[in-house]
Protein backbone atom coordinates (compact mmCIF):
# COMPACT_ATOMS: atom_id res chain seq x y z
CA MET A 1 6.03 0.00 115.15
CA GLU A 2 8.78 0.20 112.57
CA THR A 3 6.24 2.01 110.08
CA THR A 4 5.59 4.28 112.61
CA ILE A 5 9.06 4.94 113.50
CA ILE A 6 9.88 5.62 110.10
CA THR A 7 6.98 8.09 109.73
CA ILE A 8 7.95 9.92 113.02
CA LYS A 9 11.62 10.59 111.78
CA GLN A 10 10.05 11.96 108.73
CA ASP A 11 7.69 14.19 110.71
CA LEU A 12 10.92 15.53 112.57
CA ASN A 13 12.48 16.39 109.50
CA VAL A 14 9.63 18.14 108.27
CA ALA A 15 9.74 20.01 111.81
CA ARG A 16 13.44 21.08 111.18
CA GLN A 17 12.94 22.58 107.88
CA TYR A 18 10.14 24.54 109.32
CA PHE A 19 12.52 25.60 112.19
CA ARG A 20 14.87 26.52 109.67
CA LEU A 21 12.65 28.64 107.88
CA LYS A 22 11.64 30.02 111.11
CA ASN A 23 7.97 29.03 110.55
CA PHE A 24 7.49 28.25 114.30
CA GLU A 25 3.89 27.74 114.21
CA LEU A 26 3.80 25.03 111.33
CA MET A 27 6.51 23.37 113.35
CA GLY A 28 4.17 23.21 116.39
CA ASP A 29 1.70 21.71 114.24
CA ILE A 30 4.34 19.16 113.29
CA GLY A 31 4.44 18.31 117.12
CA ASP A 32 0.68 17.98 117.04
CA ARG A 33 1.08 15.54 113.69
CA ILE A 34 3.59 13.51 115.62
CA MET A 35 1.48 12.86 118.44
CA SER A 36 -1.47 11.99 116.26
CA ASN A 37 0.68 9.31 114.25
CA LEU A 38 1.97 7.89 117.30
CA PHE A 39 -1.84 7.45 118.51
CA LEU A 40 -2.65 5.86 115.15
CA GLY A 41 0.19 3.72 115.34
CA GLY A 42 -0.65 2.76 118.66
CA VAL A 43 3.14 3.81 120.25
CA LYS A 44 2.63 5.61 123.43
CA ASP A 45 6.37 5.64 124.21
CA LEU A 46 7.30 8.52 122.09
CA MET A 47 4.84 10.95 123.05
CA ILE A 48 7.28 13.01 124.58
CA ILE A 49 8.59 13.90 121.45
CA GLY A 50 5.39 15.52 120.20
CA TYR A 51 5.30 17.48 123.50
CA LEU A 52 9.06 18.71 123.11
CA ILE A 53 8.32 19.83 119.61
CA LYS A 54 5.23 21.89 120.73
CA GLU A 55 7.17 23.23 123.38
CA LEU A 56 10.24 24.17 121.38
CA SER A 57 7.58 25.88 119.03
CA GLU A 58 6.43 27.96 121.76
CA GLU A 59 9.70 29.22 123.18
CA PHE A 60 10.88 30.20 119.61
CA ILE A 61 7.80 32.19 118.85
CA GLY A 62 8.16 34.05 122.13
CA ILE A 63 11.91 34.83 121.33
CA ARG A 64 11.07 36.04 118.04
CA GLU A 65 8.38 38.23 119.37
CA GLU A 66 10.44 39.53 121.97
CA ASP A 67 13.65 40.18 119.97
CA PRO A 68 13.67 39.03 116.55
CA VAL A 69 17.67 39.83 116.60
CA ARG A 70 18.33 37.72 119.38
CA LEU A 71 16.46 34.78 117.60
CA ASN A 72 19.44 34.32 115.24
CA GLY A 73 21.72 33.63 118.23
CA CYS A 74 19.79 30.45 119.45
CA MET A 75 18.77 28.97 116.19
CA ASP A 76 21.72 26.62 116.30
CA ALA A 77 20.47 25.29 119.82
CA GLY A 78 17.05 24.94 118.32
CA GLU A 79 18.10 23.01 115.48
CA ARG A 80 20.92 20.72 117.11
CA PHE A 81 17.83 19.72 119.56
CA ILE A 82 15.96 18.38 116.95
CA LEU A 83 18.57 16.49 115.15
CA ASP A 84 19.79 14.87 118.71
CA LEU A 85 15.73 14.10 119.39
CA THR A 86 15.84 12.17 116.05
CA ASP A 87 19.05 10.16 116.51
CA THR A 88 17.43 9.02 119.84
CA ILE A 89 14.85 6.98 117.94
CA ASN A 90 16.40 3.71 117.51
CA GLU A 91 16.55 0.35 119.01
CA GLU A 92 17.95 1.59 122.18
CA TYR A 93 15.66 4.27 122.77
CA HIS A 94 15.39 5.23 126.41
CA PRO A 95 13.51 8.52 127.63
CA ILE A 96 16.53 9.53 129.66
CA MET A 97 18.39 10.23 126.49
CA VAL A 98 15.87 12.77 125.46
CA TRP A 99 15.92 14.56 128.75
CA GLU A 100 19.44 14.78 128.58
CA HIS A 101 19.19 16.29 125.35
CA TRP A 102 16.39 18.64 126.44
CA SER A 103 18.22 19.54 129.54
CA ILE A 104 21.32 20.67 127.25
CA TYR A 105 19.19 22.67 124.89
CA LYS A 106 17.70 24.48 127.86
CA THR A 107 20.81 25.39 129.45
CA LYS A 108 21.62 27.11 125.94
CA ILE A 109 18.06 28.66 125.48
CA VAL A 110 17.65 30.21 128.83
CA GLU A 111 20.41 32.76 128.03
CA PHE A 112 18.14 34.02 125.06
CA ILE A 113 14.85 34.13 127.11
CA PRO A 114 15.00 36.60 129.84
CA THR A 115 15.46 40.36 129.06
CA ASP A 116 18.67 42.06 129.08
CA VAL A 117 18.04 43.81 132.33
CA GLU A 118 16.85 40.46 133.60
CA LEU A 119 20.17 38.66 132.44
CA MET A 120 22.46 41.65 133.94
CA ILE A 121 20.63 41.64 137.43
CA TYR A 122 19.36 38.17 138.04
CA GLN A 123 21.87 35.39 139.20
CA LYS A 124 21.25 31.64 138.78
CA ASP A 125 19.79 30.05 141.69
CA VAL A 126 18.97 26.33 141.03
CA GLU A 127 17.97 25.32 144.48
CA PHE A 128 15.48 28.21 144.31
CA THR A 129 14.09 26.83 141.16
CA THR A 130 13.98 23.17 142.84
CA GLN A 131 12.40 24.68 146.05
CA THR A 132 9.77 26.91 143.97
CA THR A 133 8.68 23.53 142.10
CA SER A 134 8.31 21.67 145.28
CA LYS A 135 6.25 24.30 146.95
CA LEU A 136 4.04 24.61 143.48
CA MET A 137 3.51 20.66 143.37
CA LYS A 138 2.39 20.90 147.11
CA LEU A 139 -0.05 23.69 146.17
CA LEU A 140 -1.35 21.68 143.52
CA ASP A 141 -1.85 18.29 145.70
CA GLU A 142 -3.60 20.62 148.56
CA ASN A 143 -5.75 22.57 146.22
CA ARG A 144 -6.86 19.58 143.74
CA SER A 145 -10.46 20.34 144.30
CA LEU A 146 -10.27 23.83 142.88
CA LEU A 147 -9.57 21.91 139.45
CA LEU A 148 -13.10 21.21 139.40
CA ASP A 149 -14.23 24.46 139.64
CA ASP A 150 -15.38 25.85 136.02
CA TYR A 151 -13.53 29.25 136.61
CA ASN A 152 -10.31 28.07 138.29
CA LYS A 153 -6.78 28.73 137.04
CA LEU A 154 -4.82 26.91 139.52
CA LEU A 155 -3.06 24.68 137.02
CA LEU A 156 -2.17 27.39 134.34
CA SER A 157 -0.85 29.82 137.04
CA ILE A 158 1.33 26.89 138.45
CA LEU A 159 2.81 26.19 134.90
CA LEU A 160 3.20 29.85 134.27
CA GLU A 161 5.24 30.37 137.57
CA GLN A 162 7.23 27.15 137.13
CA LYS A 163 8.22 28.38 133.59
CA ARG A 164 9.20 31.95 134.89
CA VAL A 165 11.30 30.22 137.46
CA ILE A 166 13.12 27.80 135.23
CA ASN A 167 13.92 30.46 132.46
CA ILE A 168 15.30 33.06 134.91
CA TYR A 169 17.24 31.05 137.73
CA GLY A 170 18.12 27.82 136.13
CA PHE A 171 17.25 24.15 136.83
CA ASN A 172 17.38 20.53 137.65
CA LYS A 173 16.51 17.92 135.17
CA SER A 174 13.78 17.05 137.47
CA ASP A 175 12.38 20.60 137.35
CA LEU A 176 12.14 20.19 133.49
CA ILE A 177 10.43 16.79 133.64
CA LEU A 178 7.70 17.83 136.19
CA TYR A 179 7.18 21.19 133.94
CA ILE A 180 6.48 19.10 130.65
CA THR A 181 4.41 16.51 132.57
CA LEU A 182 2.39 19.34 134.29
CA LYS A 183 1.83 20.73 130.94
CA ALA A 184 0.90 17.60 129.36
CA PHE A 185 -1.72 17.08 132.27
CA TYR A 186 -3.10 20.69 131.46
CA GLU A 187 -3.97 20.06 127.63
CA TYR A 188 -5.49 16.71 128.69
CA TYR A 189 -7.38 18.67 131.80
CA LEU A 190 -8.57 21.35 129.41
CA TYR A 191 -10.67 18.57 127.69
CA LEU A 192 -11.74 17.19 130.75
CA LEU A 193 -12.98 20.62 132.04
CA ALA A 194 -14.47 21.42 128.52
CA PHE A 195 -16.52 18.09 128.63
CA LYS A 196 -17.89 18.89 132.14
CA MET A 197 -18.92 22.41 131.26
CA ALA A 198 -20.52 21.24 127.96
CA ASN A 199 -22.77 18.68 129.40
CA ASN A 200 -23.63 20.62 132.64
CA LEU A 201 -21.91 18.04 134.90
CA LYS A 202 -20.75 18.26 138.59
CA GLY A 203 -17.27 18.26 139.59
CA GLU A 204 -17.27 14.80 140.60
CA ALA A 205 -17.94 13.60 136.88
CA ILE A 206 -14.35 14.30 136.35
CA ALA A 207 -12.52 14.04 139.83
CA GLY A 208 -11.68 10.58 139.49
CA LYS A 209 -9.41 11.37 136.28
CA VAL A 210 -8.22 14.66 137.42
CA PHE A 211 -7.15 13.60 141.06
CA CYS A 212 -5.39 10.32 139.50
CA CYS A 213 -3.06 12.80 137.37
CA VAL A 214 -2.32 14.89 140.19
CA ASP A 215 -1.27 11.85 142.17
CA GLU A 216 0.62 10.11 139.60
CA ILE A 217 2.75 13.48 139.04
CA SER A 218 3.02 14.42 142.66
CA GLN A 219 4.30 11.22 143.47
CA LEU A 220 7.20 10.80 140.62
CA PRO A 221 10.32 9.31 141.91
CA THR A 222 13.20 11.73 142.78
CA ASP A 223 15.79 9.50 141.02
CA PHE A 224 16.29 11.13 137.34
CA GLU A 225 16.38 7.31 135.64
CA GLU A 226 13.40 6.15 137.76
CA MET A 227 11.61 9.87 137.26
CA SER A 228 12.47 9.70 133.47
CA SER A 229 10.85 6.53 132.85
CA LYS A 230 7.66 6.83 134.92
CA SER A 231 7.29 10.34 133.66
CA ASN A 232 7.51 9.02 129.82
CA GLU A 233 4.81 6.34 130.75
CA ILE A 234 2.41 9.31 132.22
CA LEU A 235 3.18 11.23 129.04
CA GLY A 236 2.25 8.48 126.88
CA GLU A 237 -1.05 8.00 128.65
CA LEU A 238 -1.89 11.77 128.56
CA GLY A 239 -0.93 12.04 124.93
CA TYR A 240 -2.89 9.10 124.16
CA LYS A 241 -6.02 10.22 125.89
CA THR A 242 -5.70 13.84 124.82
CA ARG A 243 -5.62 12.43 121.16
CA MET A 244 -8.82 10.78 121.60
CA PHE A 245 -10.41 13.70 123.01
CA ARG A 246 -9.08 15.89 119.91
CA LEU A 247 -10.54 13.49 117.47
CA GLU A 248 -13.84 13.57 119.20
CA ASN A 249 -14.31 17.31 120.34
CA VAL A 250 -13.38 20.84 119.08
CA ASP A 251 -10.65 22.76 120.65
CA PRO A 252 -11.70 22.83 124.28
CA ARG A 253 -10.41 26.48 124.83
CA LYS A 254 -13.35 27.63 122.57
CA THR A 255 -15.90 25.52 124.81
CA ILE A 256 -14.36 26.75 128.03
CA LYS A 257 -14.37 30.34 126.77
CA ARG A 258 -17.88 29.94 125.46
CA PHE A 259 -19.31 28.83 129.05
CA ARG A 260 -17.10 31.38 130.94
CA GLY A 261 -17.71 34.27 128.58
CA PHE A 262 -14.20 35.49 128.74
């Protein structure tokens, strides 16, 4: 455990250096490396760190592509988050602190993600975001059977809508937790779907694992501290299972694209 913790802190230092170089792609690769090291070290509790580094990478790639000038204004927020994330890894580690730091980071960064026109017109409406999150979770729960179809995009569409609303209208911490947890589920789900398609299986072959994840996420507690702890357990399990798939299989997106034809 102690050796793994030292390794993860070194990984985060490498991620920070790549971030400062604005090589966000390699920083994202370090997020994957963190998860692999945690898998090899048998440590599930810290999988959240890998997920958030990968999310940070995606956000900054998007900002860089949208407006390279604006990128300079949000670099401090990104680096501060990596430093704060590193500091949480100690004997008193609790996922609630990770989410606190992520919330602080997101509060700063959402001022840089929308376009200038969007920032000028849209007003913050956290209640709208929370209502949207609730409706999207209900949509997922009630239409879970669609996830067994080879051509569905339900989970991806829900993630895109949730991300859009969070970045435009603001958020509660629970919205952030649900988004990251759903995104972790989506990564795992793609491997399940690719496995089903490659082996010409019926939907029932993956139904149990898919529906179990939907149940766990949709039944997360509403209390922030309880939600932090429970979501961390889910992220740990999803990260571990996804790493197993990653070792045994090729990129699921390639498999899915090959069978879908697009």
